[in-house]
Every structure is written in structure tokens, then in C-alpha cells.
């Protein structure tokens, strides 16, 4: 089942809702749904069914926090079985992004400026459905509302003129590299029945394939990632975990059109706008 979050395309006003995507020969439709947290599943709600073309898709989650797992891929030179980096909860490095970093499929995200090198990181995102903490890996699937495509956009500070290493000042905190508005594009919708153990992820920039890998290439598997993150913080319904990019990333200059496609989910599309260019706010 696919679950989207949307508003009316004609007015782009009113309260956003969630809908179940129905594939039909005469055109895809969106059936209103709500998430039954007690039962841990989506159920049909009230309201009229709409053609997909009459709605504007929003990021398919409303998180209190976005947990980004870093360093979840084997570096070059670790191909030998006996030379693998550590895996599991102890190896998960997590950076938090604010909810203001969300963007939806089709949105334009501003480049942070010439002092930064912006990079793509195509990833599988987990959306939490049930409040949870210290979840063992074998129960992780029970707390998931669905999975979606993500681009964990990251800006790397270029050396300043005096060689200080930060954009214009010494000691610039690298944590801000992931905190810019729009730096967590998600979408286009949630897949509730996805097997996260072996999902193919393809990233293209202006039509050229720049990443092709699978979640099976992650050092720490998705269910273990959920367990590791929940060990250190309580996860609330709507919270998002970006599980790590399984392949090397690269630059995104202004004007780039980047797409993240995951088999059995769909394609997330983002355009990189000029610094200072107005972003579409949801």
C-alpha cells in the first residue's frame, strides 16, 4: 500500500491530509486515510476520493525530528571480509535535522551559496508509526508506518580565503552542514509493505546515474538502525530516520535536477535553486 500526504492543488490551502494511492486504469486516485496508532495500521477515513492529478503532494511525514545515520557504508578498501568496519548499534553515528529541513517531491531547494559544496546522498527513509524506545531489531518492523525515498542533502564548507576551513570564519561547526531549509527532501509517498533489507536505490543528476546500490550494502541493516536510534532517543509517530547512503556521493551545482528512485516506492525529484531563491514552503 502507498500512503501520501497532500493538499488540494487548486487552492493549496486547508489542512493537509493523508491518502491511500489507488492504481486505476482510468487514472490513479487518492482515498483519504488515517493512521490507527493503537492498531499500527492505516484505515480509510472520511472525505471524498480525488484524482491524483488534483492534489499537491507534501512530504509524507510530520516529524518532531529527523535522525540521519552517517558512515553506514563501507569505505573504499574494505572489500575483504576480514577487513570490515564495525557494524550494529555501536557503529551508528547520528546527526539530527530539524523539521524545517523537510521538502517534498518536486520542490526547489536553495543552494546555500558559493562558499559551500552541496552534495546528494540518496537513502531509504523510515517513518515511525508508534511511540517507541529501545526497540530490539526483531520488533523494529512493528513500529514503522512506512518507507520512502530521501535525499540527505549535505553542504561541505569550502576553505576560506585565509585557509581557516570554514565559510568565512574559523571553527565553523560542521553540524550546520545538514540543517539548511529543504535539506531533507522526502517522497513521493510511503510504501507500507516494502522489505527494507534489499531495496535498490538509484540516484540521477540531470539524467545521469550517479549512485546505484542497495540497502543490503549498508554496514548496519535498516532494522538494526531503527533499534540503534531508539536506544538513544524516544521516537514519536511521524519521526524520520535516514538510514544512510549505500554509495559514494557527489556535487550538486545550481540548476541540477536530482532524482532518487527506490524500487517498489517511486521517484523523489528535487531541483537545486539559486542561493536566496524563494523556496516553495509547505
Protein backbone atom coordinates (compact mmCIF):
# COMPACT_ATOMS: atom_id res chain seq x y z
CA UNK A 1 0.00 0.00 0.00
CA UNK A 2 1.15 3.55 -0.79
CA UNK A 3 0.27 6.44 1.53
CA UNK A 4 0.68 10.08 0.53
CA UNK A 5 0.25 13.40 2.33
CA UNK A 6 -1.42 16.08 0.24
CA UNK A 7 -3.38 19.30 -0.13
CA UNK A 8 -5.81 20.48 -2.79
CA UNK A 9 -3.87 21.56 -5.90
CA UNK A 10 -6.36 24.25 -6.91
CA UNK A 11 -6.12 26.27 -3.71
CA UNK A 12 -3.05 24.81 -1.90
CA UNK A 13 -4.94 25.70 1.27
CA UNK A 14 -6.78 23.88 4.02
CA UNK A 15 -5.49 21.16 6.27
CA UNK A 16 -3.16 18.59 4.74
CA UNK A 17 -4.48 15.05 4.75
CA UNK A 18 -3.22 11.53 4.20
CA UNK A 19 -4.46 9.33 1.42
CA UNK A 20 -4.14 5.82 0.05
CA UNK A 21 -2.97 5.72 -3.54
CA UNK A 22 -5.23 3.57 -5.71
CA UNK A 23 -3.96 2.49 -9.12
CA UNK A 24 -6.77 2.51 -11.70
CA UNK A 25 -6.92 2.10 -15.45
CA UNK A 26 -8.76 5.40 -15.78
CA UNK A 27 -6.28 7.28 -13.58
CA UNK A 28 -4.76 6.99 -10.12
CA UNK A 29 -6.81 8.28 -7.19
CA UNK A 30 -6.22 9.25 -3.56
CA UNK A 31 -8.55 7.78 -0.90
CA UNK A 32 -8.46 9.60 2.48
CA UNK A 33 -6.96 7.54 5.33
CA UNK A 34 -5.89 7.98 8.95
CA UNK A 35 -3.25 6.11 10.92
CA UNK A 36 -4.65 3.93 13.71
CA UNK A 37 -1.72 4.11 16.11
CA UNK A 38 -3.20 1.57 18.50
CA UNK A 39 -3.55 -0.99 15.73
CA UNK A 40 -0.40 0.17 13.95
CA UNK A 41 -2.08 0.42 10.54
CA UNK A 42 -3.72 2.80 8.10
CA UNK A 43 -7.53 2.75 7.85
CA UNK A 44 -9.89 4.51 5.46
CA UNK A 45 -11.08 7.90 6.70
CA UNK A 46 -13.75 10.37 5.64
CA UNK A 47 -13.77 12.77 2.73
CA UNK A 48 -14.01 12.37 -0.99
CA UNK A 49 -11.71 10.40 -3.22
CA UNK A 50 -9.68 12.65 -5.53
CA UNK A 51 -7.78 12.06 -8.75
CA UNK A 52 -4.04 12.12 -8.06
CA UNK A 53 -3.67 14.97 -10.54
CA UNK A 54 -5.88 17.22 -8.39
CA UNK A 55 -3.68 17.09 -5.30
CA UNK A 56 -0.27 18.52 -4.43
CA UNK A 57 1.98 16.01 -2.72
CA UNK A 58 3.67 17.06 0.52
CA UNK A 59 6.48 15.39 2.46
CA UNK A 60 4.83 12.14 3.64
CA UNK A 61 5.68 12.68 7.32
CA UNK A 62 5.35 15.27 10.09
CA UNK A 63 8.39 14.57 12.26
CA UNK A 64 9.47 16.07 15.55
CA UNK A 65 12.99 15.13 14.48
CA UNK A 66 14.88 13.64 11.56
CA UNK A 67 17.68 11.27 12.56
CA UNK A 68 20.37 10.92 9.89
CA UNK A 69 22.65 7.91 10.17
CA UNK A 70 26.16 8.70 8.96
CA UNK A 71 29.03 6.45 7.93
CA UNK A 72 26.75 3.49 7.19
CA UNK A 73 28.63 2.33 4.10
CA UNK A 74 31.94 0.53 3.79
CA UNK A 75 34.74 2.91 2.76
CA UNK A 76 36.87 2.07 -0.25
CA UNK A 77 39.35 -0.66 0.54
CA UNK A 78 37.12 -2.61 2.94
CA UNK A 79 36.04 -5.27 0.48
CA UNK A 80 37.76 -8.12 2.28
CA UNK A 81 35.59 -9.93 4.80
CA UNK A 82 38.29 -9.76 7.45
CA UNK A 83 38.73 -6.01 6.99
CA UNK A 84 35.18 -4.83 7.56
CA UNK A 85 34.43 -1.80 9.75
CA UNK A 86 32.27 -2.42 12.85
CA UNK A 87 28.52 -2.78 12.41
CA UNK A 88 25.47 -2.63 14.66
CA UNK A 89 24.26 -0.08 17.19
CA UNK A 90 27.74 0.88 18.39
CA UNK A 91 28.77 1.93 14.87
CA UNK A 92 25.79 4.23 14.15
CA UNK A 93 26.71 7.91 14.16
CA UNK A 94 23.53 10.02 14.17
CA UNK A 95 23.01 13.69 13.26
CA UNK A 96 19.63 15.36 13.80
CA UNK A 97 17.99 17.56 11.18
CA UNK A 98 15.19 19.98 12.17
CA UNK A 99 11.65 19.62 10.76
CA UNK A 100 12.28 22.87 8.83
CA UNK A 101 14.66 20.91 6.59
CA UNK A 102 11.77 18.93 5.06
CA UNK A 103 10.94 19.28 1.37
CA UNK A 104 8.51 17.39 -0.83
CA UNK A 105 8.92 15.74 -4.21
CA UNK A 106 9.01 18.37 -6.94
CA UNK A 107 10.19 21.15 -4.63
CA UNK A 108 13.06 23.53 -5.34
CA UNK A 109 15.74 23.65 -2.64
CA UNK A 110 18.06 26.65 -2.42
CA UNK A 111 21.79 26.11 -2.82
CA UNK A 112 23.37 27.52 0.36
CA UNK A 113 25.88 29.64 -1.56
CA UNK A 114 29.28 29.63 -3.28
CA UNK A 115 31.14 29.03 -0.02
CA UNK A 116 29.54 25.59 0.19
CA UNK A 117 29.77 22.44 -1.91
CA UNK A 118 26.34 20.81 -1.91
CA UNK A 119 26.21 17.02 -2.25
CA UNK A 120 23.46 14.44 -2.78
CA UNK A 121 23.04 11.34 -0.60
CA UNK A 122 20.29 9.01 -1.85
CA UNK A 123 18.81 7.00 1.00
CA UNK A 124 15.90 4.91 2.23
CA UNK A 125 13.90 6.77 4.88
CA UNK A 126 11.95 5.12 7.69
CA UNK A 127 8.82 6.86 9.03
CA UNK A 128 7.89 5.82 12.55
CA UNK A 129 4.26 4.96 13.29
CA UNK A 130 4.28 4.24 17.03
CA UNK A 131 5.93 5.94 20.02
CA UNK A 132 8.82 3.68 20.96
CA UNK A 133 12.14 3.41 22.73
CA UNK A 134 14.78 0.68 22.95
CA UNK A 135 13.21 -1.39 20.20
CA UNK A 136 15.02 -4.69 19.52
CA UNK A 137 15.79 -5.32 15.84
CA UNK A 138 13.37 -8.24 15.61
CA UNK A 139 10.48 -5.92 16.61
CA UNK A 140 11.54 -2.92 14.51
CA UNK A 141 9.07 -3.59 11.70
CA UNK A 142 6.18 -3.21 14.16
CA UNK A 143 6.95 0.47 14.84
CA UNK A 144 7.25 1.52 11.18
CA UNK A 145 4.44 3.39 9.41
CA UNK A 146 6.18 3.15 6.05
CA UNK A 147 9.28 3.75 3.97
CA UNK A 148 10.04 6.46 1.43
CA UNK A 149 12.80 7.95 -0.73
CA UNK A 150 15.12 10.54 0.79
CA UNK A 151 17.97 12.78 -0.27
CA UNK A 152 20.13 13.63 2.74
CA UNK A 153 21.46 16.88 1.26
CA UNK A 154 24.72 17.98 2.85
CA UNK A 155 26.76 21.16 2.35
CA UNK A 156 30.52 20.90 2.81
CA UNK A 157 32.30 24.11 3.76
CA UNK A 158 34.92 25.20 1.25
CA UNK A 159 38.19 26.59 2.62
CA UNK A 160 38.01 30.34 3.20
CA UNK A 161 40.48 32.80 1.71
CA UNK A 162 42.70 32.63 4.79
CA UNK A 163 42.63 28.82 4.79
CA UNK A 164 40.62 28.61 8.01
CA UNK A 165 38.46 25.79 6.62
CA UNK A 166 35.06 27.36 7.26
CA UNK A 167 32.90 29.70 5.16
CA UNK A 168 34.50 32.97 6.18
CA UNK A 169 35.36 32.14 9.79
CA UNK A 170 37.46 29.73 11.80
CA UNK A 171 35.86 26.84 13.65
CA UNK A 172 32.57 26.82 11.73
CA UNK A 173 30.55 23.97 13.26
CA UNK A 174 30.17 21.20 10.65
CA UNK A 175 26.83 20.12 12.15
CA UNK A 176 25.14 23.00 10.29
CA UNK A 177 26.05 21.28 7.04
CA UNK A 178 22.79 19.31 7.14
CA UNK A 179 20.49 21.89 8.77
CA UNK A 180 19.60 24.24 5.91
CA UNK A 181 15.95 24.64 4.91
CA UNK A 182 14.87 21.95 2.46
CA UNK A 183 17.86 19.70 3.11
CA UNK A 184 15.67 16.65 3.81
CA UNK A 185 13.58 16.01 0.67
CA UNK A 186 11.20 13.07 1.20
CA UNK A 187 8.68 11.42 -1.08
CA UNK A 188 6.77 10.93 -3.13
CA UNK A 189 4.79 8.71 -0.70
CA UNK A 190 5.15 5.95 1.88
CA UNK A 191 5.35 2.28 0.96
CA UNK A 192 3.94 0.24 3.84
CA UNK A 193 4.86 -3.23 2.56
CA UNK A 194 8.46 -2.70 1.49
CA UNK A 195 11.18 -5.16 2.51
CA UNK A 196 13.96 -2.79 3.63
CA UNK A 197 16.64 -5.49 3.63
CA UNK A 198 17.30 -5.32 -0.13
CA UNK A 199 15.83 -2.21 -1.74
CA UNK A 200 17.63 -0.88 -4.81
CA UNK A 201 18.41 2.86 -4.69
CA UNK A 202 19.23 4.80 -7.86
CA UNK A 203 20.20 8.48 -7.91
CA UNK A 204 20.40 10.52 -11.11
CA UNK A 205 21.56 14.10 -11.64
CA UNK A 206 20.29 15.71 -14.84
CA UNK A 207 19.53 12.25 -16.19
CA UNK A 208 22.94 10.73 -15.44
CA UNK A 209 23.10 7.85 -12.97
CA UNK A 210 25.45 8.84 -10.13
CA UNK A 211 24.50 6.27 -7.47
CA UNK A 212 23.22 2.72 -7.83
CA UNK A 213 23.28 0.48 -4.78
CA UNK A 214 21.07 -1.47 -2.41
CA UNK A 215 20.21 -1.30 1.25
CA UNK A 216 21.91 -4.69 1.53
CA UNK A 217 25.17 -2.74 1.09
CA UNK A 218 24.63 -0.82 4.33
CA UNK A 219 27.01 -1.73 7.15
CA UNK A 220 24.15 -1.70 9.65
CA UNK A 221 20.86 -3.13 8.28
CA UNK A 222 17.73 -1.00 8.44
CA UNK A 223 16.04 -2.81 11.35
CA UNK A 224 19.26 -2.59 13.36
CA UNK A 225 19.44 1.13 12.54
CA UNK A 226 15.95 1.61 13.99
CA UNK A 227 17.00 -0.29 17.11
CA UNK A 228 20.19 1.75 17.46
CA UNK A 229 18.45 5.12 17.13
CA UNK A 230 15.66 4.13 19.54
CA UNK A 231 18.30 3.07 22.07
CA UNK A 232 19.37 6.71 22.44
CA UNK A 233 16.13 8.65 21.97
CA UNK A 234 12.38 8.12 22.15
CA UNK A 235 10.88 8.03 18.67
CA UNK A 236 7.46 9.60 18.12
CA UNK A 237 4.88 8.94 15.39
CA UNK A 238 6.00 10.75 12.26
CA UNK A 239 9.68 10.82 13.18
CA UNK A 240 12.02 10.04 10.30
CA UNK A 241 15.22 8.01 10.18
CA UNK A 242 17.50 8.41 7.16
CA UNK A 243 19.29 5.08 7.11
CA UNK A 244 22.50 6.11 5.33
CA UNK A 245 23.59 6.31 1.72
CA UNK A 246 24.97 2.99 0.43
CA UNK A 247 27.18 4.59 -2.24
CA UNK A 248 29.60 7.49 -2.64
CA UNK A 249 28.04 10.96 -3.01
CA UNK A 250 28.87 13.83 -5.36
CA UNK A 251 28.29 17.55 -6.02
CA UNK A 252 25.04 19.32 -6.94
CA UNK A 253 25.56 22.69 -8.66
CA UNK A 254 22.79 25.27 -9.01
CA UNK A 255 20.19 24.20 -11.56
CA UNK A 256 20.66 20.47 -11.01
CA UNK A 257 17.66 18.19 -11.17
CA UNK A 258 18.27 15.24 -8.86
CA UNK A 259 16.08 12.15 -8.67
CA UNK A 260 16.14 9.39 -6.07
CA UNK A 261 14.32 6.24 -7.16
CA UNK A 262 13.75 3.21 -4.95
CA UNK A 263 12.24 0.05 -6.37
CA UNK A 264 8.69 -0.56 -5.09
CA UNK A 265 8.35 3.03 -3.82
CA UNK A 266 8.72 5.62 -6.58
CA UNK A 267 10.85 8.63 -7.51
CA UNK A 268 11.69 11.71 -5.44
CA UNK A 269 12.54 14.76 -7.56
CA UNK A 270 14.36 17.89 -6.37
CA UNK A 271 15.64 20.96 -8.22
CA UNK A 272 18.57 22.94 -6.81
CA UNK A 273 17.78 26.66 -6.92
CA UNK A 274 19.89 29.78 -6.74
CA UNK A 275 21.08 30.99 -3.31
CA UNK A 276 18.39 33.30 -2.00
CA UNK A 277 15.79 31.99 -4.49
CA UNK A 278 12.36 31.61 -2.96
CA UNK A 279 11.58 28.06 -1.88
CA UNK A 280 8.12 26.59 -2.02
CA UNK A 281 7.07 26.38 1.62
CA UNK A 282 4.67 23.68 2.79
